[in-house]
Amino acid sequence: KDPRNSLRVLGVLPNMDEVGKNADTVVLASDCVHRLRGRIESRRAPEMGYSIMVSSPFQGDGKTTLAVSLGWSYAESGYKTLLIDADFVGRAMTHQFGRLREPGFREVIRNGRINDEIIELGHPNLNLLGVGFDRRVSAANLSPRLFGRVIEAVRAEFDIIIVDSGPMTASIEAIAVASAVDGVILALRRGRSRSRLLECIQDIRSVGADYLGVVLNYADRSDCERYGSTS
């Protein structure tokens, strides 16, 4: 409710785990996601191969849900989209799609090239590079240079690249990823303190990435109705 919008609120996202088959709830959730995408598009640079990191101040803020939801929205809108799981500890995105035992991001870093690690997710425009399983590659091995090579290798093939990383304030890899992407979005769970948001924003800007804004996650229906339409 900051009238100056100093934190650049992009919008809200409901608890996607509770969005069932009720038509009104599905429409409201979809509307929230598409509006987020619209606001991001109004703020980002227009070039193709644009890379976005989704992070958060804390664990459990729902950044993976936000990343996957945005990926779906972009894919539905005709953008060729790639999701990358760069969260070495949480691995939630890879787990969500049942790919924990398949080669992915770790193997790409280890081999220095992309082979057949990128898979389609049941939609012609939506693809995934999972985290992989090679334990010789960890967050401690990741540098902006190495991650930048991965981004550059996929820019020509994809319109939008969405990267799920660990929390800004707790993970090793978040700063390395932020240093290599074009823009960063933060997720904050409803009811949590915003005290560390400014710290995260400063970190993002210090490495040269564009801070695109923050999303209020696990929002109440009243929040969703305020930021969406219910006609």
C-alpha atoms as a PDB file:
ATOM      1  CA  LYS A   1       0.000   0.000   0.000  1.00  0.00           C
ATOM      2  CA  ASP A   2       2.994   2.290  -0.505  1.00  0.00           C
ATOM      3  CA  PRO A   3       1.631   5.099  -2.731  1.00  0.00           C
ATOM      4  CA  ARG A   4       5.114   5.693  -4.149  1.00  0.00           C
ATOM      5  CA  ASN A   5       5.492   2.014  -5.082  1.00  0.00           C
ATOM      6  CA  SER A   6       9.135   2.261  -4.055  1.00  0.00           C
ATOM      7  CA  LEU A   7       9.522  -1.519  -4.111  1.00  0.00           C
ATOM      8  CA  ARG A   8       8.101  -1.792  -7.659  1.00  0.00           C
ATOM      9  CA  VAL A   9       5.214  -4.152  -6.931  1.00  0.00           C
ATOM     10  CA  LEU A  10       4.464  -6.078 -10.116  1.00  0.00           C
ATOM     11  CA  GLY A  11       1.289  -7.672  -8.779  1.00  0.00           C
ATOM     12  CA  VAL A  12       0.113 -10.667  -6.790  1.00  0.00           C
ATOM     13  CA  LEU A  13      -0.065 -14.436  -7.125  1.00  0.00           C
ATOM     14  CA  PRO A  14      -2.480 -16.654  -5.170  1.00  0.00           C
ATOM     15  CA  ASN A  15      -1.546 -19.971  -3.601  1.00  0.00           C
ATOM     16  CA  MET A  16      -1.309 -21.960  -6.822  1.00  0.00           C
ATOM     17  CA  ASP A  17      -1.451 -25.255  -4.882  1.00  0.00           C
ATOM     18  CA  GLU A  18      -5.036 -24.414  -3.947  1.00  0.00           C
ATOM     19  CA  VAL A  19      -6.164 -23.429  -7.435  1.00  0.00           C
ATOM     20  CA  GLY A  20      -8.358 -26.387  -8.292  1.00  0.00           C
ATOM     21  CA  LYS A  21     -11.030 -27.038 -10.887  1.00  0.00           C
ATOM     22  CA  ASN A  22     -13.279 -24.189  -9.788  1.00  0.00           C
ATOM     23  CA  ALA A  23     -13.610 -22.108 -12.955  1.00  0.00           C
ATOM     24  CA  ASP A  24     -13.682 -18.742 -11.197  1.00  0.00           C
ATOM     25  CA  THR A  25     -10.547 -19.521  -9.178  1.00  0.00           C
ATOM     26  CA  VAL A  26      -8.658 -20.748 -12.236  1.00  0.00           C
ATOM     27  CA  VAL A  27      -9.594 -17.650 -14.236  1.00  0.00           C
ATOM     28  CA  LEU A  28      -8.587 -15.346 -11.386  1.00  0.00           C
ATOM     29  CA  ALA A  29      -5.205 -17.078 -10.952  1.00  0.00           C
ATOM     30  CA  SER A  30      -4.547 -17.037 -14.706  1.00  0.00           C
ATOM     31  CA  ASP A  31      -5.445 -13.378 -14.843  1.00  0.00           C
ATOM     32  CA  CYS A  32      -2.959 -12.593 -12.052  1.00  0.00           C
ATOM     33  CA  VAL A  33      -0.156 -14.434 -13.876  1.00  0.00           C
ATOM     34  CA  HIS A  34      -0.838 -12.810 -17.237  1.00  0.00           C
ATOM     35  CA  ARG A  35      -0.972  -9.362 -15.651  1.00  0.00           C
ATOM     36  CA  LEU A  36       2.432 -10.013 -14.064  1.00  0.00           C
ATOM     37  CA  ARG A  37       3.815 -10.906 -17.459  1.00  0.00           C
ATOM     38  CA  GLY A  38       2.329  -7.753 -18.948  1.00  0.00           C
ATOM     39  CA  ARG A  39       3.989  -5.578 -16.329  1.00  0.00           C
ATOM     40  CA  ILE A  40       7.328  -7.326 -16.831  1.00  0.00           C
ATOM     41  CA  GLU A  41       7.062  -6.784 -20.585  1.00  0.00           C
ATOM     42  CA  SER A  42       6.426  -3.069 -20.012  1.00  0.00           C
ATOM     43  CA  ARG A  43       9.647  -2.765 -17.983  1.00  0.00           C
ATOM     44  CA  ARG A  44      12.133  -5.097 -19.640  1.00  0.00           C
ATOM     45  CA  ALA A  45      14.356  -4.473 -22.631  1.00  0.00           C
ATOM     46  CA  PRO A  46      12.677  -5.656 -25.844  1.00  0.00           C
ATOM     47  CA  GLU A  47      15.425  -7.933 -27.191  1.00  0.00           C
ATOM     48  CA  MET A  48      14.887 -11.649 -27.674  1.00  0.00           C
ATOM     49  CA  GLY A  49      16.752 -14.161 -25.548  1.00  0.00           C
ATOM     50  CA  TYR A  50      15.972 -12.079 -22.463  1.00  0.00           C
ATOM     51  CA  SER A  51      16.937 -13.822 -19.218  1.00  0.00           C
ATOM     52  CA  ILE A  52      15.026 -13.346 -15.953  1.00  0.00           C
ATOM     53  CA  MET A  53      16.075 -14.679 -12.569  1.00  0.00           C
ATOM     54  CA  VAL A  54      13.346 -15.346  -9.994  1.00  0.00           C
ATOM     55  CA  SER A  55      14.558 -15.207  -6.403  1.00  0.00           C
ATOM     56  CA  SER A  56      13.331 -14.212  -2.945  1.00  0.00           C
ATOM     57  CA  PRO A  57      14.567 -12.885   0.392  1.00  0.00           C
ATOM     58  CA  PHE A  58      13.711 -16.128   2.210  1.00  0.00           C
ATOM     59  CA  GLN A  59      13.215 -19.829   1.590  1.00  0.00           C
ATOM     60  CA  GLY A  60       9.552 -20.704   1.130  1.00  0.00           C
ATOM     61  CA  ASP A  61       8.447 -17.481  -0.555  1.00  0.00           C
ATOM     62  CA  GLY A  62       7.159 -19.434  -3.569  1.00  0.00           C
ATOM     63  CA  LYS A  63       9.745 -18.348  -6.139  1.00  0.00           C
ATOM     64  CA  THR A  64       9.599 -21.695  -7.983  1.00  0.00           C
ATOM     65  CA  THR A  65       5.815 -21.489  -8.316  1.00  0.00           C
ATOM     66  CA  LEU A  66       6.196 -17.953  -9.639  1.00  0.00           C
ATOM     67  CA  ALA A  67       8.896 -18.990 -12.128  1.00  0.00           C
ATOM     68  CA  VAL A  68       6.849 -21.910 -13.492  1.00  0.00           C
ATOM     69  CA  SER A  69       3.655 -19.829 -13.662  1.00  0.00           C
ATOM     70  CA  LEU A  70       5.422 -17.074 -15.601  1.00  0.00           C
ATOM     71  CA  GLY A  71       6.954 -19.654 -17.915  1.00  0.00           C
ATOM     72  CA  TRP A  72       3.506 -21.049 -18.681  1.00  0.00           C
ATOM     73  CA  SER A  73       2.134 -17.533 -19.290  1.00  0.00           C
ATOM     74  CA  TYR A  74       4.934 -16.659 -21.700  1.00  0.00           C
ATOM     75  CA  ALA A  75       4.565 -19.982 -23.524  1.00  0.00           C
ATOM     76  CA  GLU A  76       0.802 -19.541 -23.867  1.00  0.00           C
ATOM     77  CA  SER A  77       1.426 -16.099 -25.340  1.00  0.00           C
ATOM     78  CA  GLY A  78       3.660 -17.445 -28.095  1.00  0.00           C
ATOM     79  CA  TYR A  79       7.100 -16.859 -26.583  1.00  0.00           C
ATOM     80  CA  LYS A  80       9.515 -19.751 -26.888  1.00  0.00           C
ATOM     81  CA  THR A  81      10.377 -20.160 -23.213  1.00  0.00           C
ATOM     82  CA  LEU A  82      13.095 -21.984 -21.300  1.00  0.00           C
ATOM     83  CA  LEU A  83      12.966 -22.699 -17.554  1.00  0.00           C
ATOM     84  CA  ILE A  84      16.347 -23.279 -15.876  1.00  0.00           C
ATOM     85  CA  ASP A  85      16.642 -24.761 -12.380  1.00  0.00           C
ATOM     86  CA  ALA A  86      19.775 -23.248 -10.834  1.00  0.00           C
ATOM     87  CA  ASP A  87      18.741 -23.884  -7.217  1.00  0.00           C
ATOM     88  CA  PHE A  88      21.307 -26.509  -6.210  1.00  0.00           C
ATOM     89  CA  VAL A  89      19.843 -27.033  -2.745  1.00  0.00           C
ATOM     90  CA  GLY A  90      16.077 -26.751  -3.189  1.00  0.00           C
ATOM     91  CA  ARG A  91      15.826 -28.323  -6.679  1.00  0.00           C
ATOM     92  CA  ALA A  92      12.066 -27.706  -6.449  1.00  0.00           C
ATOM     93  CA  MET A  93      11.493 -26.990 -10.123  1.00  0.00           C
ATOM     94  CA  THR A  94      13.229 -30.181 -11.254  1.00  0.00           C
ATOM     95  CA  HIS A  95      11.377 -32.184  -8.592  1.00  0.00           C
ATOM     96  CA  GLN A  96       8.050 -30.704  -9.675  1.00  0.00           C
ATOM     97  CA  PHE A  97       8.525 -32.126 -13.173  1.00  0.00           C
ATOM     98  CA  GLY A  98       9.932 -35.468 -11.975  1.00  0.00           C
ATOM     99  CA  ARG A  99      13.411 -34.965 -13.498  1.00  0.00           C
ATOM    100  CA  LEU A 100      15.753 -35.284 -10.520  1.00  0.00           C
ATOM    101  CA  ARG A 101      17.512 -38.351 -11.967  1.00  0.00           C
ATOM    102  CA  GLU A 102      18.061 -36.873 -15.426  1.00  0.00           C
ATOM    103  CA  PRO A 103      21.016 -34.813 -16.731  1.00  0.00           C
ATOM    104  CA  GLY A 104      20.621 -31.060 -16.639  1.00  0.00           C
ATOM    105  CA  PHE A 105      22.316 -27.843 -15.605  1.00  0.00           C
ATOM    106  CA  ARG A 106      25.087 -29.528 -13.592  1.00  0.00           C
ATOM    107  CA  GLU A 107      26.064 -31.666 -16.593  1.00  0.00           C
ATOM    108  CA  VAL A 108      26.057 -28.630 -18.905  1.00  0.00           C
ATOM    109  CA  ILE A 109      28.458 -26.836 -16.561  1.00  0.00           C
ATOM    110  CA  ARG A 110      30.604 -29.957 -16.232  1.00  0.00           C
ATOM    111  CA  ASN A 111      30.814 -30.667 -19.985  1.00  0.00           C
ATOM    112  CA  GLY A 112      30.996 -27.058 -21.134  1.00  0.00           C
ATOM    113  CA  ARG A 113      28.220 -27.539 -23.705  1.00  0.00           C
ATOM    114  CA  ILE A 114      24.542 -28.366 -24.084  1.00  0.00           C
ATOM    115  CA  ASN A 115      23.778 -31.796 -25.510  1.00  0.00           C
ATOM    116  CA  ASP A 116      20.235 -33.123 -25.029  1.00  0.00           C
ATOM    117  CA  GLU A 117      19.620 -31.871 -21.481  1.00  0.00           C
ATOM    118  CA  ILE A 118      16.805 -29.476 -22.500  1.00  0.00           C
ATOM    119  CA  ILE A 119      13.385 -31.168 -22.641  1.00  0.00           C
ATOM    120  CA  GLU A 120       9.911 -30.088 -23.730  1.00  0.00           C
ATOM    121  CA  LEU A 121       7.265 -29.850 -21.003  1.00  0.00           C
ATOM    122  CA  GLY A 122       4.166 -30.894 -22.932  1.00  0.00           C
ATOM    123  CA  HIS A 123       3.803 -27.486 -24.590  1.00  0.00           C
ATOM    124  CA  PRO A 124       5.624 -26.622 -27.843  1.00  0.00           C
ATOM    125  CA  ASN A 125       6.817 -23.310 -26.380  1.00  0.00           C
ATOM    126  CA  LEU A 126       7.772 -24.454 -22.866  1.00  0.00           C
ATOM    127  CA  ASN A 127      11.069 -26.224 -22.131  1.00  0.00           C
ATOM    128  CA  LEU A 128      13.141 -27.160 -19.075  1.00  0.00           C
ATOM    129  CA  LEU A 129      16.807 -27.428 -18.218  1.00  0.00           C
ATOM    130  CA  GLY A 130      16.654 -29.251 -14.885  1.00  0.00           C
ATOM    131  CA  VAL A 131      19.294 -28.981 -12.192  1.00  0.00           C
ATOM    132  CA  GLY A 132      20.949 -32.325 -13.043  1.00  0.00           C
ATOM    133  CA  PHE A 133      22.576 -34.828 -10.689  1.00  0.00           C
ATOM    134  CA  ASP A 134      26.385 -34.551 -11.132  1.00  0.00           C
ATOM    135  CA  ARG A 135      27.533 -33.895  -7.553  1.00  0.00           C
ATOM    136  CA  ARG A 136      30.946 -32.764  -8.775  1.00  0.00           C
ATOM    137  CA  VAL A 137      29.243 -29.501  -9.724  1.00  0.00           C
ATOM    138  CA  SER A 138      27.892 -27.484  -6.803  1.00  0.00           C
ATOM    139  CA  ALA A 139      26.922 -23.914  -6.036  1.00  0.00           C
ATOM    140  CA  ALA A 140      30.489 -23.319  -4.880  1.00  0.00           C
ATOM    141  CA  ASN A 141      31.718 -24.104  -8.434  1.00  0.00           C
ATOM    142  CA  LEU A 142      29.338 -21.681 -10.125  1.00  0.00           C
ATOM    143  CA  SER A 143      30.671 -18.323 -11.292  1.00  0.00           C
ATOM    144  CA  PRO A 144      29.068 -15.502 -13.303  1.00  0.00           C
ATOM    145  CA  ARG A 145      31.327 -16.446 -16.215  1.00  0.00           C
ATOM    146  CA  LEU A 146      30.213 -20.099 -16.244  1.00  0.00           C
ATOM    147  CA  PHE A 147      26.535 -19.289 -15.905  1.00  0.00           C
ATOM    148  CA  GLY A 148      26.871 -16.534 -18.501  1.00  0.00           C
ATOM    149  CA  ARG A 149      28.101 -19.128 -20.995  1.00  0.00           C
ATOM    150  CA  VAL A 150      24.959 -21.193 -20.468  1.00  0.00           C
ATOM    151  CA  ILE A 151      22.754 -18.137 -21.011  1.00  0.00           C
ATOM    152  CA  GLU A 152      24.598 -17.153 -24.175  1.00  0.00           C
ATOM    153  CA  ALA A 153      24.296 -20.720 -25.510  1.00  0.00           C
ATOM    154  CA  VAL A 154      20.472 -20.585 -25.387  1.00  0.00           C
ATOM    155  CA  ARG A 155      19.721 -16.929 -26.197  1.00  0.00           C
ATOM    156  CA  ALA A 156      19.393 -17.487 -29.932  1.00  0.00           C
ATOM    157  CA  GLU A 157      16.944 -20.361 -29.518  1.00  0.00           C
ATOM    158  CA  PHE A 158      14.594 -18.954 -26.858  1.00  0.00           C
ATOM    159  CA  ASP A 159      12.707 -15.683 -26.533  1.00  0.00           C
ATOM    160  CA  ILE A 160      12.500 -15.795 -22.728  1.00  0.00           C
ATOM    161  CA  ILE A 161      14.781 -17.617 -20.273  1.00  0.00           C
ATOM    162  CA  ILE A 162      13.484 -17.879 -16.682  1.00  0.00           C
ATOM    163  CA  VAL A 163      15.964 -18.995 -14.022  1.00  0.00           C
ATOM    164  CA  ASP A 164      14.958 -20.306 -10.599  1.00  0.00           C
ATOM    165  CA  SER A 165      17.757 -19.692  -8.080  1.00  0.00           C
ATOM    166  CA  GLY A 166      18.133 -20.013  -4.330  1.00  0.00           C
ATOM    167  CA  PRO A 167      17.113 -17.136  -2.020  1.00  0.00           C
ATOM    168  CA  MET A 168      19.181 -13.962  -2.409  1.00  0.00           C
ATOM    169  CA  THR A 169      20.058 -13.780   1.278  1.00  0.00           C
ATOM    170  CA  ALA A 170      20.854 -17.452   1.901  1.00  0.00           C
ATOM    171  CA  SER A 171      22.187 -19.203  -1.210  1.00  0.00           C
ATOM    172  CA  ILE A 172      25.659 -19.254  -2.717  1.00  0.00           C
ATOM    173  CA  GLU A 173      24.561 -19.286  -6.346  1.00  0.00           C
ATOM    174  CA  ALA A 174      22.078 -16.375  -6.335  1.00  0.00           C
ATOM    175  CA  ILE A 175      24.640 -13.588  -6.812  1.00  0.00           C
ATOM    176  CA  ALA A 176      26.450 -15.527  -9.552  1.00  0.00           C
ATOM    177  CA  VAL A 177      23.171 -16.037 -11.405  1.00  0.00           C
ATOM    178  CA  ALA A 178      22.084 -12.412 -10.917  1.00  0.00           C
ATOM    179  CA  SER A 179      25.411 -11.263 -12.377  1.00  0.00           C
ATOM    180  CA  ALA A 180      24.719 -13.125 -15.635  1.00  0.00           C
ATOM    181  CA  VAL A 181      21.011 -12.451 -16.275  1.00  0.00           C
ATOM    182  CA  ASP A 182      19.312  -9.363 -17.676  1.00  0.00           C
ATOM    183  CA  GLY A 183      16.637  -8.827 -15.021  1.00  0.00           C
ATOM    184  CA  VAL A 184      15.573 -10.108 -11.599  1.00  0.00           C
ATOM    185  CA  ILE A 185      12.148 -10.566  -9.991  1.00  0.00           C
ATOM    186  CA  LEU A 186      11.689 -11.128  -6.265  1.00  0.00           C
ATOM    187  CA  ALA A 187       8.882 -13.119  -4.658  1.00  0.00           C
ATOM    188  CA  LEU A 188       7.711 -12.345  -1.127  1.00  0.00           C
ATOM    189  CA  ARG A 189       5.204 -14.508   0.723  1.00  0.00           C
ATOM    190  CA  ARG A 190       2.208 -12.656   2.126  1.00  0.00           C
ATOM    191  CA  GLY A 191       2.628 -11.911   5.827  1.00  0.00           C
ATOM    192  CA  ARG A 192       6.419 -11.968   5.838  1.00  0.00           C
ATOM    193  CA  SER A 193       8.621  -9.022   6.690  1.00  0.00           C
ATOM    194  CA  ARG A 194       9.776  -6.863   3.807  1.00  0.00           C
ATOM    195  CA  SER A 195      12.805  -5.777   5.852  1.00  0.00           C
ATOM    196  CA  ARG A 196      15.307  -7.639   3.656  1.00  0.00           C
ATOM    197  CA  LEU A 197      13.802  -6.654   0.323  1.00  0.00           C
ATOM    198  CA  LEU A 198      15.895  -3.494   0.102  1.00  0.00           C
ATOM    199  CA  GLU A 199      19.038  -5.529   0.829  1.00  0.00           C
ATOM    200  CA  CYS A 200      18.147  -7.891  -2.025  1.00  0.00           C
ATOM    201  CA  ILE A 201      17.445  -4.996  -4.392  1.00  0.00           C
ATOM    202  CA  GLN A 202      20.807  -3.424  -3.574  1.00  0.00           C
ATOM    203  CA  ASP A 203      22.562  -6.733  -4.277  1.00  0.00           C
ATOM    204  CA  ILE A 204      20.777  -7.061  -7.609  1.00  0.00           C
ATOM    205  CA  ARG A 205      21.730  -3.580  -8.733  1.00  0.00           C
ATOM    206  CA  SER A 206      25.300  -3.911  -7.470  1.00  0.00           C
ATOM    207  CA  VAL A 207      25.981  -6.726  -9.971  1.00  0.00           C
ATOM    208  CA  GLY A 208      24.493  -4.812 -12.892  1.00  0.00           C
ATOM    209  CA  ALA A 209      21.173  -6.628 -13.303  1.00  0.00           C
ATOM    210  CA  ASP A 210      17.896  -4.792 -13.810  1.00  0.00           C
ATOM    211  CA  TYR A 211      15.538  -5.069 -10.825  1.00  0.00           C
ATOM    212  CA  LEU A 212      12.124  -5.648 -12.436  1.00  0.00           C
ATOM    213  CA  GLY A 213      10.005  -5.728  -9.270  1.00  0.00           C
ATOM    214  CA  VAL A 214       8.502  -7.805  -6.472  1.00  0.00           C
ATOM    215  CA  VAL A 215       5.493 -10.135  -6.481  1.00  0.00           C
ATOM    216  CA  LEU A 216       3.280 -10.663  -3.425  1.00  0.00           C
ATOM    217  CA  ASN A 217       2.906 -14.447  -3.327  1.00  0.00           C
ATOM    218  CA  TYR A 218       0.253 -16.591  -1.598  1.00  0.00           C
ATOM    219  CA  ALA A 219      -2.029 -13.576  -1.789  1.00  0.00           C
ATOM    220  CA  ASP A 220      -5.584 -13.517  -0.463  1.00  0.00           C
ATOM    221  CA  ARG A 221      -8.473 -13.525  -2.889  1.00  0.00           C
ATOM    222  CA  SER A 222      -9.116  -9.874  -2.002  1.00  0.00           C
ATOM    223  CA  ASP A 223      -5.560  -9.038  -3.085  1.00  0.00           C
ATOM    224  CA  CYS A 224      -6.069 -10.904  -6.366  1.00  0.00           C
ATOM    225  CA  GLU A 225      -9.337  -9.108  -7.037  1.00  0.00           C
ATOM    226  CA  ARG A 226      -7.660  -5.775  -6.379  1.00  0.00           C
ATOM    227  CA  TYR A 227      -4.939  -6.504  -8.961  1.00  0.00           C
ATOM    228  CA  GLY A 228      -7.115  -8.474 -11.422  1.00  0.00           C
ATOM    229  CA  SER A 229     -10.554  -8.627 -12.953  1.00  0.00           C
ATOM    230  CA  THR A 230     -13.487 -10.784 -11.861  1.00  0.00           C
ATOM    231  CA  SER A 231     -16.101 -10.022 -14.490  1.00  0.00           C
END
